[in-house]
Amino acid sequence: MLLWFTDRFHISQAFHVAVDKARKHIQNKIRKEDGDKKKVFGIRWAFLKNHEDLKAEEEKLLEQVCSEYPMLRTCYELKEEFRTFFHITNIDEASVYIDYFTALVAESEIPELQSFCKTLNNWREYILNYYYFFISNGPTEGRNHKLKNIKRRGYGYRNIDNFRLRICSECA
């Protein structure tokens, strides 16, 4: 049985890219309408952080901006809502959640998040396959990264045996 799946890291990465694009789009729209750039700029990192990781001043700034601009609040709330997806432990709940989240995003009328939901639905089968085995290619990507670092730090190994020994000693 051949089973393809999408790594959860890449789902999270694609979602955060979409959220950041939406934030930029909304901020540029606000800047054009209000003409005051200072009100909404400088919230990127606070916007992308998990809510519980926000410092008091970041939370205050975010709350101030979100209370004045409902579209930014909606985008932020959807970002926080999607984090629920990563705590789901069975395939049926995950499938229902994808439908639920897609409906929420459709109501929000944020094109960048709607585009993400199209991607989510196009890859749905592969995303849901994760729930059969709960495996990730994170460890493999970590090893590949470690090998690239060994190679980079070695400034090019002239002797393949030395390179192999270095890999064995650092990856054991």
C-alpha atoms as a PDB file:
ATOM      1  CA  MET A   1       0.000   0.000   0.000  1.00  0.00           C
ATOM      2  CA  LEU A   2       1.544   3.289  -1.138  1.00  0.00           C
ATOM      3  CA  LEU A   3       0.497   6.211   1.012  1.00  0.00           C
ATOM      4  CA  TRP A   4       1.499   9.810   0.350  1.00  0.00           C
ATOM      5  CA  PHE A   5       1.100  12.447   3.024  1.00  0.00           C
ATOM      6  CA  THR A   6       1.805  16.105   3.573  1.00  0.00           C
ATOM      7  CA  ASP A   7       4.029  17.083   6.457  1.00  0.00           C
ATOM      8  CA  ARG A   8       2.282  19.212   9.076  1.00  0.00           C
ATOM      9  CA  PHE A   9       5.178  21.665   9.138  1.00  0.00           C
ATOM     10  CA  HIS A  10       4.530  22.554   5.512  1.00  0.00           C
ATOM     11  CA  ILE A  11       0.820  23.041   6.185  1.00  0.00           C
ATOM     12  CA  SER A  12       1.688  25.431   9.005  1.00  0.00           C
ATOM     13  CA  GLN A  13       4.264  27.196   6.860  1.00  0.00           C
ATOM     14  CA  ALA A  14       1.820  27.679   3.959  1.00  0.00           C
ATOM     15  CA  PHE A  15      -0.818  28.975   6.350  1.00  0.00           C
ATOM     16  CA  HIS A  16       1.524  31.489   7.985  1.00  0.00           C
ATOM     17  CA  VAL A  17       2.647  32.744   4.567  1.00  0.00           C
ATOM     18  CA  ALA A  18      -1.026  33.242   3.632  1.00  0.00           C
ATOM     19  CA  VAL A  19      -1.753  35.028   6.933  1.00  0.00           C
ATOM     20  CA  ASP A  20       1.238  37.319   6.438  1.00  0.00           C
ATOM     21  CA  LYS A  21       0.165  38.144   2.866  1.00  0.00           C
ATOM     22  CA  ALA A  22      -3.341  38.884   4.139  1.00  0.00           C
ATOM     23  CA  ARG A  23      -1.930  41.133   6.870  1.00  0.00           C
ATOM     24  CA  LYS A  24       0.162  43.062   4.322  1.00  0.00           C
ATOM     25  CA  HIS A  25      -2.789  43.411   1.971  1.00  0.00           C
ATOM     26  CA  ILE A  26      -5.103  44.656   4.719  1.00  0.00           C
ATOM     27  CA  GLN A  27      -2.462  47.044   6.083  1.00  0.00           C
ATOM     28  CA  ASN A  28      -1.788  48.517   2.641  1.00  0.00           C
ATOM     29  CA  LYS A  29      -5.508  48.954   2.095  1.00  0.00           C
ATOM     30  CA  ILE A  30      -5.835  50.728   5.464  1.00  0.00           C
ATOM     31  CA  ARG A  31      -2.845  52.938   4.665  1.00  0.00           C
ATOM     32  CA  LYS A  32      -4.408  54.003   1.362  1.00  0.00           C
ATOM     33  CA  GLU A  33      -7.791  54.705   2.959  1.00  0.00           C
ATOM     34  CA  ASP A  34      -6.627  56.437   6.155  1.00  0.00           C
ATOM     35  CA  GLY A  35      -3.315  57.802   4.970  1.00  0.00           C
ATOM     36  CA  ASP A  36      -1.796  57.081   8.399  1.00  0.00           C
ATOM     37  CA  LYS A  37       0.867  54.423   8.090  1.00  0.00           C
ATOM     38  CA  LYS A  38       1.921  54.488  11.759  1.00  0.00           C
ATOM     39  CA  LYS A  39      -1.383  53.137  13.092  1.00  0.00           C
ATOM     40  CA  VAL A  40      -1.137  49.665  11.607  1.00  0.00           C
ATOM     41  CA  PHE A  41       2.517  49.062  10.854  1.00  0.00           C
ATOM     42  CA  GLY A  42       4.939  47.337  13.212  1.00  0.00           C
ATOM     43  CA  ILE A  43       2.598  44.521  14.239  1.00  0.00           C
ATOM     44  CA  ARG A  44       3.958  41.753  12.017  1.00  0.00           C
ATOM     45  CA  TRP A  45       5.752  39.698  14.668  1.00  0.00           C
ATOM     46  CA  ALA A  46       3.004  40.144  17.218  1.00  0.00           C
ATOM     47  CA  PHE A  47       0.470  39.156  14.563  1.00  0.00           C
ATOM     48  CA  LEU A  48       2.295  35.939  13.679  1.00  0.00           C
ATOM     49  CA  LYS A  49       3.087  34.846  17.252  1.00  0.00           C
ATOM     50  CA  ASN A  50       0.898  32.411  19.151  1.00  0.00           C
ATOM     51  CA  HIS A  51      -1.430  34.356  21.415  1.00  0.00           C
ATOM     52  CA  GLU A  52      -0.045  32.836  24.621  1.00  0.00           C
ATOM     53  CA  ASP A  53       3.510  33.815  23.606  1.00  0.00           C
ATOM     54  CA  LEU A  54       2.725  37.525  23.268  1.00  0.00           C
ATOM     55  CA  LYS A  55       4.372  39.962  25.645  1.00  0.00           C
ATOM     56  CA  ALA A  56       2.081  42.438  27.406  1.00  0.00           C
ATOM     57  CA  GLU A  57       3.040  45.365  25.139  1.00  0.00           C
ATOM     58  CA  GLU A  58       2.584  43.245  21.989  1.00  0.00           C
ATOM     59  CA  GLU A  59      -0.820  42.100  23.171  1.00  0.00           C
ATOM     60  CA  LYS A  60      -1.834  45.683  23.916  1.00  0.00           C
ATOM     61  CA  LEU A  61      -0.651  46.909  20.493  1.00  0.00           C
ATOM     62  CA  LEU A  62      -2.396  44.049  18.721  1.00  0.00           C
ATOM     63  CA  GLU A  63      -5.629  44.608  20.639  1.00  0.00           C
ATOM     64  CA  GLN A  64      -5.522  48.326  19.864  1.00  0.00           C
ATOM     65  CA  VAL A  65      -5.037  47.765  16.120  1.00  0.00           C
ATOM     66  CA  CYS A  66      -7.551  44.901  15.930  1.00  0.00           C
ATOM     67  CA  SER A  67     -10.238  46.885  17.751  1.00  0.00           C
ATOM     68  CA  GLU A  68      -9.882  49.703  15.228  1.00  0.00           C
ATOM     69  CA  TYR A  69      -9.691  47.478  12.124  1.00  0.00           C
ATOM     70  CA  PRO A  70     -12.111  44.510  12.185  1.00  0.00           C
ATOM     71  CA  MET A  71     -10.604  42.885   9.076  1.00  0.00           C
ATOM     72  CA  LEU A  72      -7.256  42.529  10.871  1.00  0.00           C
ATOM     73  CA  ARG A  73      -9.065  41.105  13.914  1.00  0.00           C
ATOM     74  CA  THR A  74     -10.835  38.549  11.723  1.00  0.00           C
ATOM     75  CA  CYS A  75      -7.549  37.511  10.121  1.00  0.00           C
ATOM     76  CA  TYR A  76      -5.865  37.172  13.526  1.00  0.00           C
ATOM     77  CA  GLU A  77      -8.769  35.181  14.986  1.00  0.00           C
ATOM     78  CA  LEU A  78      -8.719  32.815  11.993  1.00  0.00           C
ATOM     79  CA  LYS A  79      -4.977  32.331  12.472  1.00  0.00           C
ATOM     80  CA  GLU A  80      -5.513  31.420  16.109  1.00  0.00           C
ATOM     81  CA  GLU A  81      -8.479  29.186  15.224  1.00  0.00           C
ATOM     82  CA  PHE A  82      -6.435  27.178  12.706  1.00  0.00           C
ATOM     83  CA  ARG A  83      -3.974  26.190  15.446  1.00  0.00           C
ATOM     84  CA  THR A  84      -6.714  23.846  16.700  1.00  0.00           C
ATOM     85  CA  PHE A  85      -6.104  21.708  13.612  1.00  0.00           C
ATOM     86  CA  PHE A  86      -2.704  20.618  14.944  1.00  0.00           C
ATOM     87  CA  HIS A  87      -4.236  19.186  18.127  1.00  0.00           C
ATOM     88  CA  ILE A  88      -6.694  16.912  16.321  1.00  0.00           C
ATOM     89  CA  THR A  89      -5.844  13.229  16.676  1.00  0.00           C
ATOM     90  CA  ASN A  90      -8.166  11.372  14.291  1.00  0.00           C
ATOM     91  CA  ILE A  91      -8.978  11.508  10.613  1.00  0.00           C
ATOM     92  CA  ASP A  92     -12.736  12.094  10.957  1.00  0.00           C
ATOM     93  CA  GLU A  93     -12.296  15.124  13.206  1.00  0.00           C
ATOM     94  CA  ALA A  94      -9.613  16.487  10.880  1.00  0.00           C
ATOM     95  CA  SER A  95     -11.864  16.147   7.839  1.00  0.00           C
ATOM     96  CA  VAL A  96     -14.752  17.879   9.605  1.00  0.00           C
ATOM     97  CA  TYR A  97     -12.405  20.600  10.830  1.00  0.00           C
ATOM     98  CA  ILE A  98     -11.108  21.327   7.318  1.00  0.00           C
ATOM     99  CA  ASP A  99     -14.723  21.815   6.169  1.00  0.00           C
ATOM    100  CA  TYR A 100     -15.492  23.983   9.201  1.00  0.00           C
ATOM    101  CA  PHE A 101     -12.403  26.149   8.728  1.00  0.00           C
ATOM    102  CA  THR A 102     -13.034  26.524   4.997  1.00  0.00           C
ATOM    103  CA  ALA A 103     -16.559  27.771   5.769  1.00  0.00           C
ATOM    104  CA  LEU A 104     -15.192  30.280   8.310  1.00  0.00           C
ATOM    105  CA  VAL A 105     -12.690  31.606   5.791  1.00  0.00           C
ATOM    106  CA  ALA A 106     -15.365  31.859   3.087  1.00  0.00           C
ATOM    107  CA  GLU A 107     -17.384  34.113   5.414  1.00  0.00           C
ATOM    108  CA  SER A 108     -14.343  36.288   6.140  1.00  0.00           C
ATOM    109  CA  GLU A 109     -13.798  37.280   2.495  1.00  0.00           C
ATOM    110  CA  ILE A 110     -10.020  37.411   2.914  1.00  0.00           C
ATOM    111  CA  PRO A 111      -8.690  36.300  -0.511  1.00  0.00           C
ATOM    112  CA  GLU A 112      -5.283  35.129   0.734  1.00  0.00           C
ATOM    113  CA  LEU A 113      -6.862  32.785   3.265  1.00  0.00           C
ATOM    114  CA  GLN A 114      -9.406  31.604   0.698  1.00  0.00           C
ATOM    115  CA  SER A 115      -6.494  30.707  -1.562  1.00  0.00           C
ATOM    116  CA  PHE A 116      -4.932  28.744   1.311  1.00  0.00           C
ATOM    117  CA  CYS A 117      -8.229  26.878   1.813  1.00  0.00           C
ATOM    118  CA  LYS A 118      -8.240  25.919  -1.877  1.00  0.00           C
ATOM    119  CA  THR A 119      -4.759  24.485  -1.357  1.00  0.00           C
ATOM    120  CA  LEU A 120      -5.962  22.747   1.804  1.00  0.00           C
ATOM    121  CA  ASN A 121      -8.823  21.133  -0.104  1.00  0.00           C
ATOM    122  CA  ASN A 122      -6.643  20.224  -3.109  1.00  0.00           C
ATOM    123  CA  TRP A 123      -4.209  18.417  -0.778  1.00  0.00           C
ATOM    124  CA  ARG A 124      -6.921  17.128   1.542  1.00  0.00           C
ATOM    125  CA  GLU A 125      -6.303  13.426   0.841  1.00  0.00           C
ATOM    126  CA  TYR A 126      -2.572  13.759   1.546  1.00  0.00           C
ATOM    127  CA  ILE A 127      -3.145  15.895   4.630  1.00  0.00           C
ATOM    128  CA  LEU A 128      -5.598  13.369   6.052  1.00  0.00           C
ATOM    129  CA  ASN A 129      -3.224  10.462   5.327  1.00  0.00           C
ATOM    130  CA  TYR A 130      -1.104  11.740   8.221  1.00  0.00           C
ATOM    131  CA  TYR A 131      -3.722  10.342  10.612  1.00  0.00           C
ATOM    132  CA  TYR A 132      -3.108   6.746   9.505  1.00  0.00           C
ATOM    133  CA  PHE A 133       0.486   6.553  10.743  1.00  0.00           C
ATOM    134  CA  PHE A 134       1.269   9.865  12.494  1.00  0.00           C
ATOM    135  CA  ILE A 135       4.652  10.118  10.825  1.00  0.00           C
ATOM    136  CA  SER A 136       6.551  13.180   9.749  1.00  0.00           C
ATOM    137  CA  ASN A 137       9.503  13.748   7.487  1.00  0.00           C
ATOM    138  CA  GLY A 138      10.870  16.247  10.025  1.00  0.00           C
ATOM    139  CA  PRO A 139      13.615  13.895  11.289  1.00  0.00           C
ATOM    140  CA  THR A 140      14.775  13.250   7.710  1.00  0.00           C
ATOM    141  CA  GLU A 141      14.832  16.962   6.940  1.00  0.00           C
ATOM    142  CA  GLY A 142      16.743  17.530  10.177  1.00  0.00           C
ATOM    143  CA  ARG A 143      19.401  14.989   9.205  1.00  0.00           C
ATOM    144  CA  ASN A 144      19.717  16.498   5.727  1.00  0.00           C
ATOM    145  CA  HIS A 145      20.187  19.916   7.316  1.00  0.00           C
ATOM    146  CA  LYS A 146      22.849  18.513   9.650  1.00  0.00           C
ATOM    147  CA  LEU A 147      24.700  16.942   6.692  1.00  0.00           C
ATOM    148  CA  LYS A 148      24.629  20.226   4.784  1.00  0.00           C
ATOM    149  CA  ASN A 149      26.063  22.008   7.826  1.00  0.00           C
ATOM    150  CA  ILE A 150      28.864  19.429   8.165  1.00  0.00           C
ATOM    151  CA  LYS A 151      29.671  19.847   4.481  1.00  0.00           C
ATOM    152  CA  ARG A 152      29.605  23.652   4.738  1.00  0.00           C
ATOM    153  CA  ARG A 153      31.788  23.738   7.871  1.00  0.00           C
ATOM    154  CA  GLY A 154      34.331  21.438   6.219  1.00  0.00           C
ATOM    155  CA  TYR A 155      34.942  23.893   3.353  1.00  0.00           C
ATOM    156  CA  GLY A 156      34.854  20.912   1.005  1.00  0.00           C
ATOM    157  CA  TYR A 157      36.331  17.612   2.088  1.00  0.00           C
ATOM    158  CA  ARG A 158      39.111  16.369  -0.181  1.00  0.00           C
ATOM    159  CA  ASN A 159      38.969  12.917   1.313  1.00  0.00           C
ATOM    160  CA  ILE A 160      35.552  11.228   1.229  1.00  0.00           C
ATOM    161  CA  ASP A 161      36.571   8.960   4.127  1.00  0.00           C
ATOM    162  CA  ASN A 162      37.111  11.982   6.395  1.00  0.00           C
ATOM    163  CA  PHE A 163      33.723  13.343   5.359  1.00  0.00           C
ATOM    164  CA  ARG A 164      32.116   9.973   6.129  1.00  0.00           C
ATOM    165  CA  LEU A 165      33.857   9.833   9.536  1.00  0.00           C
ATOM    166  CA  ARG A 166      32.636  13.339  10.386  1.00  0.00           C
ATOM    167  CA  ILE A 167      29.067  12.364   9.478  1.00  0.00           C
ATOM    168  CA  CYS A 168      29.278   9.192  11.574  1.00  0.00           C
ATOM    169  CA  SER A 169      30.663  11.037  14.595  1.00  0.00           C
ATOM    170  CA  GLU A 170      28.096  13.858  14.513  1.00  0.00           C
ATOM    171  CA  CYS A 171      25.039  11.827  13.537  1.00  0.00           C
ATOM    172  CA  ALA A 172      25.571   8.852  15.834  1.00  0.00           C
END
